[in-house]
Amino acid sequence: MIFLLISLQIIDITVHVLSNQIEPLRILANTLIIIWFIQIYKYKSKNISYLVISIYLGLNTLFLILNGLSNSGEPRIFFWISISLTALISTLITNKKD
């Protein structure tokens, strides 16, 4: 599941860079999840993990507040899929910790 989660973050960043829609808040949120698993996850603290997930969701909420629920009138389908999967997988991994 960790590989899937990190891959999803890299795909999300890549899609934004290749489509020339670099969104700093989204890229920061994706990078936070990657760093969490590379550095912080090894400490096995559920509190830190939930904090990281909350910050991730907060950054993406701020993105929505600043940029709206749609992208030039089109719904942000990839956004919702990416955020939902990231939050779900991150929470499952965190709850699986001993």
PDB file of N, CA and C in Angstrom:
ATOM      1  N   MET A   1       0.809  -1.196   0.000  1.00  0.00           N
ATOM      2  CA  MET A   1       0.000   0.000   0.000  1.00  0.00           C
ATOM      3  C   MET A   1       0.854   1.263   0.000  1.00  0.00           C
ATOM      4  N   ILE A   2       2.005   1.183   0.643  1.00  0.00           N
ATOM      5  CA  ILE A   2       2.880   2.359   0.691  1.00  0.00           C
ATOM      6  C   ILE A   2       3.348   2.720  -0.718  1.00  0.00           C
ATOM      7  N   PHE A   3       3.699   1.700  -1.506  1.00  0.00           N
ATOM      8  CA  PHE A   3       4.141   1.956  -2.888  1.00  0.00           C
ATOM      9  C   PHE A   3       3.027   2.644  -3.677  1.00  0.00           C
ATOM     10  N   LEU A   4       1.796   2.173  -3.513  1.00  0.00           N
ATOM     11  CA  LEU A   4       0.654   2.771  -4.204  1.00  0.00           C
ATOM     12  C   LEU A   4       0.475   4.230  -3.788  1.00  0.00           C
ATOM     13  N   LEU A   5       0.600   4.493  -2.514  1.00  0.00           N
ATOM     14  CA  LEU A   5       0.421   5.846  -2.000  1.00  0.00           C
ATOM     15  C   LEU A   5       1.490   6.804  -2.538  1.00  0.00           C
ATOM     16  N   ILE A   6       2.733   6.382  -2.488  1.00  0.00           N
ATOM     17  CA  ILE A   6       3.818   7.231  -3.000  1.00  0.00           C
ATOM     18  C   ILE A   6       3.686   7.409  -4.508  1.00  0.00           C
ATOM     19  N   SER A   7       3.313   6.345  -5.218  1.00  0.00           N
ATOM     20  CA  SER A   7       3.121   6.441  -6.669  1.00  0.00           C
ATOM     21  C   SER A   7       2.024   7.443  -7.008  1.00  0.00           C
ATOM     22  N   LEU A   8       0.948   7.427  -6.257  1.00  0.00           N
ATOM     23  CA  LEU A   8      -0.156   8.351  -6.479  1.00  0.00           C
ATOM     24  C   LEU A   8       0.310   9.799  -6.324  1.00  0.00           C
ATOM     25  N   GLN A   9       1.151  10.049  -5.332  1.00  0.00           N
ATOM     26  CA  GLN A   9       1.661  11.414  -5.120  1.00  0.00           C
ATOM     27  C   GLN A   9       2.556  11.839  -6.282  1.00  0.00           C
ATOM     28  N   ILE A  10       3.408  10.939  -6.725  1.00  0.00           N
ATOM     29  CA  ILE A  10       4.316  11.253  -7.840  1.00  0.00           C
ATOM     30  C   ILE A  10       3.516  11.481  -9.125  1.00  0.00           C
ATOM     31  N   ILE A  11       2.505  10.656  -9.361  1.00  0.00           N
ATOM     32  CA  ILE A  11       1.654  10.831 -10.547  1.00  0.00           C
ATOM     33  C   ILE A  11       0.944  12.183 -10.492  1.00  0.00           C
ATOM     34  N   ASP A  12       0.416  12.536  -9.320  1.00  0.00           N
ATOM     35  CA  ASP A  12      -0.288  13.811  -9.172  1.00  0.00           C
ATOM     36  C   ASP A  12       0.640  14.986  -9.468  1.00  0.00           C
ATOM     37  N   ILE A  13       1.842  14.953  -8.926  1.00  0.00           N
ATOM     38  CA  ILE A  13       2.822  16.024  -9.192  1.00  0.00           C
ATOM     39  C   ILE A  13       3.158  16.064 -10.674  1.00  0.00           C
ATOM     40  N   THR A  14       3.415  14.898 -11.261  1.00  0.00           N
ATOM     41  CA  THR A  14       3.801  14.814 -12.672  1.00  0.00           C
ATOM     42  C   THR A  14       2.702  15.351 -13.590  1.00  0.00           C
ATOM     43  N   VAL A  15       1.459  14.993 -13.316  1.00  0.00           N
ATOM     44  CA  VAL A  15       0.333  15.479 -14.128  1.00  0.00           C
ATOM     45  C   VAL A  15       0.287  17.003 -14.108  1.00  0.00           C
ATOM     46  N   HIS A  16       0.476  17.588 -12.942  1.00  0.00           N
ATOM     47  CA  HIS A  16       0.426  19.046 -12.855  1.00  0.00           C
ATOM     48  C   HIS A  16       1.594  19.712 -13.570  1.00  0.00           C
ATOM     49  N   VAL A  17       2.772  19.142 -13.454  1.00  0.00           N
ATOM     50  CA  VAL A  17       3.940  19.717 -14.116  1.00  0.00           C
ATOM     51  C   VAL A  17       3.809  19.584 -15.633  1.00  0.00           C
ATOM     52  N   LEU A  18       3.428  18.397 -16.114  1.00  0.00           N
ATOM     53  CA  LEU A  18       3.324  18.177 -17.557  1.00  0.00           C
ATOM     54  C   LEU A  18       2.201  18.985 -18.200  1.00  0.00           C
ATOM     55  N   SER A  19       1.138  19.248 -17.450  1.00  0.00           N
ATOM     56  CA  SER A  19       0.027  20.028 -18.003  1.00  0.00           C
ATOM     57  C   SER A  19       0.218  21.531 -17.772  1.00  0.00           C
ATOM     58  N   ASN A  20       1.377  21.889 -17.260  1.00  0.00           N
ATOM     59  CA  ASN A  20       1.718  23.290 -16.994  1.00  0.00           C
ATOM     60  C   ASN A  20       0.705  23.950 -16.051  1.00  0.00           C
ATOM     61  N   GLN A  21       0.217  23.157 -15.091  1.00  0.00           N
ATOM     62  CA  GLN A  21      -0.696  23.668 -14.064  1.00  0.00           C
ATOM     63  C   GLN A  21      -0.062  23.440 -12.693  1.00  0.00           C
ATOM     64  N   ILE A  22       1.084  24.041 -12.505  1.00  0.00           N
ATOM     65  CA  ILE A  22       1.808  23.854 -11.258  1.00  0.00           C
ATOM     66  C   ILE A  22       1.052  24.570 -10.144  1.00  0.00           C
ATOM     67  N   GLU A  23       0.580  23.791  -9.195  1.00  0.00           N
ATOM     68  CA  GLU A  23      -0.200  24.303  -8.075  1.00  0.00           C
ATOM     69  C   GLU A  23       0.595  24.052  -6.795  1.00  0.00           C
ATOM     70  N   PRO A  24       1.260  25.090  -6.289  1.00  0.00           N
ATOM     71  CA  PRO A  24       2.173  24.918  -5.153  1.00  0.00           C
ATOM     72  C   PRO A  24       1.556  24.239  -3.924  1.00  0.00           C
ATOM     73  N   LEU A  25       0.319  24.568  -3.583  1.00  0.00           N
ATOM     74  CA  LEU A  25      -0.306  23.948  -2.402  1.00  0.00           C
ATOM     75  C   LEU A  25      -0.484  22.446  -2.597  1.00  0.00           C
ATOM     76  N   ARG A  26      -0.919  22.046  -3.785  1.00  0.00           N
ATOM     77  CA  ARG A  26      -1.120  20.619  -4.069  1.00  0.00           C
ATOM     78  C   ARG A  26       0.214  19.879  -4.073  1.00  0.00           C
ATOM     79  N   ILE A  27       1.230  20.487  -4.706  1.00  0.00           N
ATOM     80  CA  ILE A  27       2.544  19.846  -4.777  1.00  0.00           C
ATOM     81  C   ILE A  27       3.162  19.764  -3.384  1.00  0.00           C
ATOM     82  N   LEU A  28       2.980  20.787  -2.571  1.00  0.00           N
ATOM     83  CA  LEU A  28       3.462  20.761  -1.190  1.00  0.00           C
ATOM     84  C   LEU A  28       2.787  19.637  -0.410  1.00  0.00           C
ATOM     85  N   ALA A  29       1.484  19.485  -0.571  1.00  0.00           N
ATOM     86  CA  ALA A  29       0.739  18.430   0.120  1.00  0.00           C
ATOM     87  C   ALA A  29       1.225  17.045  -0.321  1.00  0.00           C
ATOM     88  N   ASN A  30       1.426  16.863  -1.634  1.00  0.00           N
ATOM     89  CA  ASN A  30       1.932  15.587  -2.142  1.00  0.00           C
ATOM     90  C   ASN A  30       3.334  15.289  -1.604  1.00  0.00           C
ATOM     91  N   THR A  31       4.168  16.302  -1.594  1.00  0.00           N
ATOM     92  CA  THR A  31       5.539  16.139  -1.107  1.00  0.00           C
ATOM     93  C   THR A  31       5.540  15.798   0.381  1.00  0.00           C
ATOM     94  N   LEU A  32       4.631  16.382   1.135  1.00  0.00           N
ATOM     95  CA  LEU A  32       4.510  16.089   2.564  1.00  0.00           C
ATOM     96  C   LEU A  32       4.239  14.598   2.791  1.00  0.00           C
ATOM     97  N   ILE A  33       3.339  14.018   2.004  1.00  0.00           N
ATOM     98  CA  ILE A  33       3.033  12.594   2.137  1.00  0.00           C
ATOM     99  C   ILE A  33       4.261  11.750   1.798  1.00  0.00           C
ATOM    100  N   ILE A  34       4.982  12.113   0.755  1.00  0.00           N
ATOM    101  CA  ILE A  34       6.190  11.365   0.370  1.00  0.00           C
ATOM    102  C   ILE A  34       7.225  11.434   1.486  1.00  0.00           C
ATOM    103  N   ILE A  35       7.485  12.627   2.001  1.00  0.00           N
ATOM    104  CA  ILE A  35       8.466  12.796   3.086  1.00  0.00           C
ATOM    105  C   ILE A  35       8.031  12.029   4.328  1.00  0.00           C
ATOM    106  N   TRP A  36       6.735  12.030   4.610  1.00  0.00           N
ATOM    107  CA  TRP A  36       6.211  11.297   5.765  1.00  0.00           C
ATOM    108  C   TRP A  36       6.633   9.839   5.710  1.00  0.00           C
ATOM    109  N   PHE A  37       6.473   9.204   4.565  1.00  0.00           N
ATOM    110  CA  PHE A  37       6.812   7.788   4.481  1.00  0.00           C
ATOM    111  C   PHE A  37       8.304   7.539   4.386  1.00  0.00           C
ATOM    112  N   ILE A  38       9.044   8.476   3.858  1.00  0.00           N
ATOM    113  CA  ILE A  38      10.490   8.278   3.765  1.00  0.00           C
ATOM    114  C   ILE A  38      11.172   8.542   5.109  1.00  0.00           C
ATOM    115  N   GLN A  39      10.709   9.551   5.836  1.00  0.00           N
ATOM    116  CA  GLN A  39      11.387   9.958   7.070  1.00  0.00           C
ATOM    117  C   GLN A  39      10.591   9.691   8.346  1.00  0.00           C
ATOM    118  N   ILE A  40       9.382  10.184   8.412  1.00  0.00           N
ATOM    119  CA  ILE A  40       8.632  10.226   9.663  1.00  0.00           C
ATOM    120  C   ILE A  40       7.976   8.894   9.998  1.00  0.00           C
ATOM    121  N   TYR A  41       7.517   8.167   8.996  1.00  0.00           N
ATOM    122  CA  TYR A  41       6.762   6.934   9.209  1.00  0.00           C
ATOM    123  C   TYR A  41       7.531   5.923  10.061  1.00  0.00           C
ATOM    124  N   LYS A  42       8.848   5.912   9.931  1.00  0.00           N
ATOM    125  CA  LYS A  42       9.658   4.931  10.662  1.00  0.00           C
ATOM    126  C   LYS A  42       9.565   5.096  12.180  1.00  0.00           C
ATOM    127  N   TYR A  43       9.104   6.263  12.657  1.00  0.00           N
ATOM    128  CA  TYR A  43       8.977   6.473  14.097  1.00  0.00           C
ATOM    129  C   TYR A  43       7.720   5.832  14.667  1.00  0.00           C
ATOM    130  N   LYS A  44       6.819   5.397  13.790  1.00  0.00           N
ATOM    131  CA  LYS A  44       5.618   4.661  14.166  1.00  0.00           C
ATOM    132  C   LYS A  44       4.719   5.397  15.160  1.00  0.00           C
ATOM    133  N   SER A  45       4.671   6.696  15.039  1.00  0.00           N
ATOM    134  CA  SER A  45       3.793   7.493  15.905  1.00  0.00           C
ATOM    135  C   SER A  45       2.479   7.749  15.186  1.00  0.00           C
ATOM    136  N   LYS A  46       1.402   7.229  15.751  1.00  0.00           N
ATOM    137  CA  LYS A  46       0.086   7.463  15.152  1.00  0.00           C
ATOM    138  C   LYS A  46      -0.280   8.937  15.210  1.00  0.00           C
ATOM    139  N   ASN A  47       0.092   9.611  16.290  1.00  0.00           N
ATOM    140  CA  ASN A  47      -0.241  11.035  16.421  1.00  0.00           C
ATOM    141  C   ASN A  47       0.404  11.865  15.320  1.00  0.00           C
ATOM    142  N   ILE A  48       1.677  11.606  15.040  1.00  0.00           N
ATOM    143  CA  ILE A  48       2.368  12.335  13.975  1.00  0.00           C
ATOM    144  C   ILE A  48       1.738  11.989  12.626  1.00  0.00           C
ATOM    145  N   SER A  49       1.396  10.723  12.442  1.00  0.00           N
ATOM    146  CA  SER A  49       0.776  10.316  11.183  1.00  0.00           C
ATOM    147  C   SER A  49      -0.557  11.013  10.967  1.00  0.00           C
ATOM    148  N   TYR A  50      -1.385  11.072  11.997  1.00  0.00           N
ATOM    149  CA  TYR A  50      -2.665  11.771  11.873  1.00  0.00           C
ATOM    150  C   TYR A  50      -2.451  13.267  11.654  1.00  0.00           C
ATOM    151  N   LEU A  51      -1.425  13.830  12.258  1.00  0.00           N
ATOM    152  CA  LEU A  51      -1.107  15.240  12.044  1.00  0.00           C
ATOM    153  C   LEU A  51      -0.742  15.482  10.578  1.00  0.00           C
ATOM    154  N   VAL A  52       0.086  14.612  10.016  1.00  0.00           N
ATOM    155  CA  VAL A  52       0.487  14.745   8.612  1.00  0.00           C
ATOM    156  C   VAL A  52      -0.735  14.642   7.700  1.00  0.00           C
ATOM    157  N   ILE A  53      -1.602  13.675   7.952  1.00  0.00           N
ATOM    158  CA  ILE A  53      -2.821  13.514   7.143  1.00  0.00           C
ATOM    159  C   ILE A  53      -3.695  14.765   7.264  1.00  0.00           C
ATOM    160  N   SER A  54      -3.805  15.308   8.464  1.00  0.00           N
ATOM    161  CA  SER A  54      -4.607  16.523   8.678  1.00  0.00           C
ATOM    162  C   SER A  54      -4.019  17.717   7.935  1.00  0.00           C
ATOM    163  N   ILE A  55      -2.708  17.862   7.971  1.00  0.00           N
ATOM    164  CA  ILE A  55      -2.058  18.958   7.244  1.00  0.00           C
ATOM    165  C   ILE A  55      -2.275  18.787   5.741  1.00  0.00           C
ATOM    166  N   TYR A  56      -2.139  17.551   5.257  1.00  0.00           N
ATOM    167  CA  TYR A  56      -2.380  17.247   3.843  1.00  0.00           C
ATOM    168  C   TYR A  56      -3.795  17.682   3.440  1.00  0.00           C
ATOM    169  N   LEU A  57      -4.780  17.277   4.230  1.00  0.00           N
ATOM    170  CA  LEU A  57      -6.163  17.648   3.931  1.00  0.00           C
ATOM    171  C   LEU A  57      -6.375  19.161   4.056  1.00  0.00           C
ATOM    172  N   GLY A  58      -5.716  19.778   5.038  1.00  0.00           N
ATOM    173  CA  GLY A  58      -5.819  21.221   5.214  1.00  0.00           C
ATOM    174  C   GLY A  58      -5.251  21.997   4.027  1.00  0.00           C
ATOM    175  N   LEU A  59      -4.105  21.565   3.521  1.00  0.00           N
ATOM    176  CA  LEU A  59      -3.507  22.229   2.358  1.00  0.00           C
ATOM    177  C   LEU A  59      -4.410  22.103   1.135  1.00  0.00           C
ATOM    178  N   ASN A  60      -5.007  20.934   0.959  1.00  0.00           N
ATOM    179  CA  ASN A  60      -5.896  20.741  -0.177  1.00  0.00           C
ATOM    180  C   ASN A  60      -7.211  21.501  -0.011  1.00  0.00           C
ATOM    181  N   THR A  61      -7.687  21.646   1.220  1.00  0.00           N
ATOM    182  CA  THR A  61      -8.874  22.463   1.477  1.00  0.00           C
ATOM    183  C   THR A  61      -8.578  23.928   1.175  1.00  0.00           C
ATOM    184  N   LEU A  62      -7.406  24.394   1.602  1.00  0.00           N
ATOM    185  CA  LEU A  62      -6.994  25.762   1.294  1.00  0.00           C
ATOM    186  C   LEU A  62      -6.914  25.969  -0.220  1.00  0.00           C
ATOM    187  N   PHE A  63      -6.400  24.972  -0.934  1.00  0.00           N
ATOM    188  CA  PHE A  63      -6.349  25.037  -2.391  1.00  0.00           C
ATOM    189  C   PHE A  63      -7.756  25.246  -2.960  1.00  0.00           C
ATOM    190  N   LEU A  64      -8.731  24.475  -2.458  1.00  0.00           N
ATOM    191  CA  LEU A  64     -10.111  24.607  -2.936  1.00  0.00           C
ATOM    192  C   LEU A  64     -10.694  25.980  -2.616  1.00  0.00           C
ATOM    193  N   ILE A  65     -10.401  26.484  -1.432  1.00  0.00           N
ATOM    194  CA  ILE A  65     -10.904  27.805  -1.038  1.00  0.00           C
ATOM    195  C   ILE A  65     -10.357  28.883  -1.977  1.00  0.00           C
ATOM    196  N   LEU A  66      -9.088  28.767  -2.313  1.00  0.00           N
ATOM    197  CA  LEU A  66      -8.442  29.769  -3.163  1.00  0.00           C
ATOM    198  C   LEU A  66      -8.776  29.612  -4.641  1.00  0.00           C
ATOM    199  N   ASN A  67      -9.005  28.367  -5.090  1.00  0.00           N
ATOM    200  CA  ASN A  67      -9.152  28.107  -6.523  1.00  0.00           C
ATOM    201  C   ASN A  67     -10.525  27.607  -6.959  1.00  0.00           C
ATOM    202  N   GLY A  68     -11.384  27.307  -6.016  1.00  0.00           N
ATOM    203  CA  GLY A  68     -12.735  26.875  -6.358  1.00  0.00           C
ATOM    204  C   GLY A  68     -12.867  25.368  -6.528  1.00  0.00           C
ATOM    205  N   LEU A  69     -14.119  24.931  -6.574  1.00  0.00           N
ATOM    206  CA  LEU A  69     -14.414  23.503  -6.675  1.00  0.00           C
ATOM    207  C   LEU A  69     -14.270  22.967  -8.093  1.00  0.00           C
ATOM    208  N   SER A  70     -14.214  23.871  -9.072  1.00  0.00           N
ATOM    209  CA  SER A  70     -14.083  23.415 -10.459  1.00  0.00           C
ATOM    210  C   SER A  70     -12.866  24.058 -11.104  1.00  0.00           C
ATOM    211  N   ASN A  71     -12.469  23.467 -12.214  1.00  0.00           N
ATOM    212  CA  ASN A  71     -11.317  23.947 -12.969  1.00  0.00           C
ATOM    213  C   ASN A  71     -11.846  24.467 -14.306  1.00  0.00           C
ATOM    214  N   SER A  72     -12.036  25.763 -14.416  1.00  0.00           N
ATOM    215  CA  SER A  72     -12.611  26.386 -15.613  1.00  0.00           C
ATOM    216  C   SER A  72     -13.977  25.792 -15.947  1.00  0.00           C
ATOM    217  N   GLY A  73     -14.787  25.567 -14.931  1.00  0.00           N
ATOM    218  CA  GLY A  73     -16.120  25.025 -15.126  1.00  0.00           C
ATOM    219  C   GLY A  73     -16.209  23.505 -15.110  1.00  0.00           C
ATOM    220  N   GLU A  74     -15.079  22.845 -15.195  1.00  0.00           N
ATOM    221  CA  GLU A  74     -15.046  21.378 -15.178  1.00  0.00           C
ATOM    222  C   GLU A  74     -14.792  20.899 -13.747  1.00  0.00           C
ATOM    223  N   PRO A  75     -15.497  19.847 -13.327  1.00  0.00           N
ATOM    224  CA  PRO A  75     -15.258  19.336 -11.964  1.00  0.00           C
ATOM    225  C   PRO A  75     -13.834  18.787 -11.830  1.00  0.00           C
ATOM    226  N   ARG A  76     -13.286  18.907 -10.664  1.00  0.00           N
ATOM    227  CA  ARG A  76     -11.914  18.439 -10.389  1.00  0.00           C
ATOM    228  C   ARG A  76     -11.958  16.946 -10.040  1.00  0.00           C
ATOM    229  N   ILE A  77     -12.257  16.120 -11.006  1.00  0.00           N
ATOM    230  CA  ILE A  77     -12.435  14.683 -10.776  1.00  0.00           C
ATOM    231  C   ILE A  77     -11.139  14.039 -10.277  1.00  0.00           C
ATOM    232  N   PHE A  78     -10.022  14.295 -10.948  1.00  0.00           N
ATOM    233  CA  PHE A  78      -8.752  13.708 -10.517  1.00  0.00           C
ATOM    234  C   PHE A  78      -8.387  14.170  -9.108  1.00  0.00           C
ATOM    235  N   PHE A  79      -8.684  15.420  -8.807  1.00  0.00           N
ATOM    236  CA  PHE A  79      -8.428  15.965  -7.471  1.00  0.00           C
ATOM    237  C   PHE A  79      -9.139  15.126  -6.414  1.00  0.00           C
ATOM    238  N   TRP A  80     -10.448  14.906  -6.609  1.00  0.00           N
ATOM    239  CA  TRP A  80     -11.236  14.174  -5.613  1.00  0.00           C
ATOM    240  C   TRP A  80     -10.791  12.723  -5.497  1.00  0.00           C
ATOM    241  N   ILE A  81     -10.457  12.105  -6.615  1.00  0.00           N
ATOM    242  CA  ILE A  81      -9.975  10.715  -6.579  1.00  0.00           C
ATOM    243  C   ILE A  81      -8.654  10.650  -5.832  1.00  0.00           C
ATOM    244  N   SER A  82      -7.740  11.545  -6.176  1.00  0.00           N
ATOM    245  CA  SER A  82      -6.408  11.561  -5.560  1.00  0.00           C
ATOM    246  C   SER A  82      -6.483  11.822  -4.055  1.00  0.00           C
ATOM    247  N   ILE A  83      -7.257  12.820  -3.661  1.00  0.00           N
ATOM    248  CA  ILE A  83      -7.370  13.180  -2.247  1.00  0.00           C
ATOM    249  C   ILE A  83      -8.029  12.052  -1.464  1.00  0.00           C
ATOM    250  N   SER A  84      -9.101  11.505  -2.018  1.00  0.00           N
ATOM    251  CA  SER A  84      -9.820  10.423  -1.330  1.00  0.00           C
ATOM    252  C   SER A  84      -8.941   9.197  -1.140  1.00  0.00           C
ATOM    253  N   LEU A  85      -8.253   8.798  -2.206  1.00  0.00           N
ATOM    254  CA  LEU A  85      -7.380   7.623  -2.096  1.00  0.00           C
ATOM    255  C   LEU A  85      -6.223   7.870  -1.132  1.00  0.00           C
ATOM    256  N   THR A  86      -5.633   9.046  -1.201  1.00  0.00           N
ATOM    257  CA  THR A  86      -4.519   9.364  -0.301  1.00  0.00           C
ATOM    258  C   THR A  86      -4.973   9.343   1.153  1.00  0.00           C
ATOM    259  N   ALA A  87      -6.093   9.979   1.446  1.00  0.00           N
ATOM    260  CA  ALA A  87      -6.595  10.005   2.827  1.00  0.00           C
ATOM    261  C   ALA A  87      -6.958   8.599   3.305  1.00  0.00           C
ATOM    262  N   LEU A  88      -7.616   7.837   2.456  1.00  0.00           N
ATOM    263  CA  LEU A  88      -8.020   6.479   2.821  1.00  0.00           C
ATOM    264  C   LEU A  88      -6.813   5.578   3.063  1.00  0.00           C
ATOM    265  N   ILE A  89      -5.886   5.553   2.117  1.00  0.00           N
ATOM    266  CA  ILE A  89      -4.715   4.673   2.249  1.00  0.00           C
ATOM    267  C   ILE A  89      -3.849   5.109   3.421  1.00  0.00           C
ATOM    268  N   SER A  90      -3.653   6.407   3.592  1.00  0.00           N
ATOM    269  CA  SER A  90      -2.835   6.910   4.706  1.00  0.00           C
ATOM    270  C   SER A  90      -3.444   6.519   6.048  1.00  0.00           C
ATOM    271  N   THR A  91      -4.762   6.651   6.149  1.00  0.00           N
ATOM    272  CA  THR A  91      -5.436   6.289   7.398  1.00  0.00           C
ATOM    273  C   THR A  91      -5.352   4.786   7.651  1.00  0.00           C
ATOM    274  N   LEU A  92      -5.533   3.982   6.616  1.00  0.00           N
ATOM    275  CA  LEU A  92      -5.413   2.529   6.770  1.00  0.00           C
ATOM    276  C   LEU A  92      -4.016   2.132   7.224  1.00  0.00           C
ATOM    277  N   ILE A  93      -3.014   2.733   6.621  1.00  0.00           N
ATOM    278  CA  ILE A  93      -1.625   2.428   7.005  1.00  0.00           C
ATOM    279  C   ILE A  93      -1.370   2.866   8.441  1.00  0.00           C
ATOM    280  N   THR A  94      -1.859   4.038   8.814  1.00  0.00           N
ATOM    281  CA  THR A  94      -1.667   4.541  10.176  1.00  0.00           C
ATOM    282  C   THR A  94      -2.359   3.637  11.190  1.00  0.00           C
ATOM    283  N   ASN A  95      -3.568   3.224  10.897  1.00  0.00           N
ATOM    284  CA  ASN A  95      -4.318   2.353  11.832  1.00  0.00           C
ATOM    285  C   ASN A  95      -3.702   0.975  11.947  1.00  0.00           C
ATOM    286  N   LYS A  96      -2.938   0.579  10.950  1.00  0.00           N
ATOM    287  CA  LYS A  96      -2.298  -0.736  10.958  1.00  0.00           C
ATOM    288  C   LYS A  96      -1.046  -0.765  11.840  1.00  0.00           C
ATOM    289  N   LYS A  97      -0.549   0.413  12.201  1.00  0.00           N
ATOM    290  CA  LYS A  97       0.649   0.498  13.053  1.00  0.00           C
ATOM    291  C   LYS A  97       0.388  -0.135  14.408  1.00  0.00           C
ATOM    292  N   ASP A  98       1.424  -0.712  14.969  1.00  0.00           N
ATOM    293  CA  ASP A  98       1.312  -1.324  16.308  1.00  0.00           C
ATOM    294  C   ASP A  98       1.427  -0.295  17.400  1.00  0.00           C
TER     295      ASP A  98
END
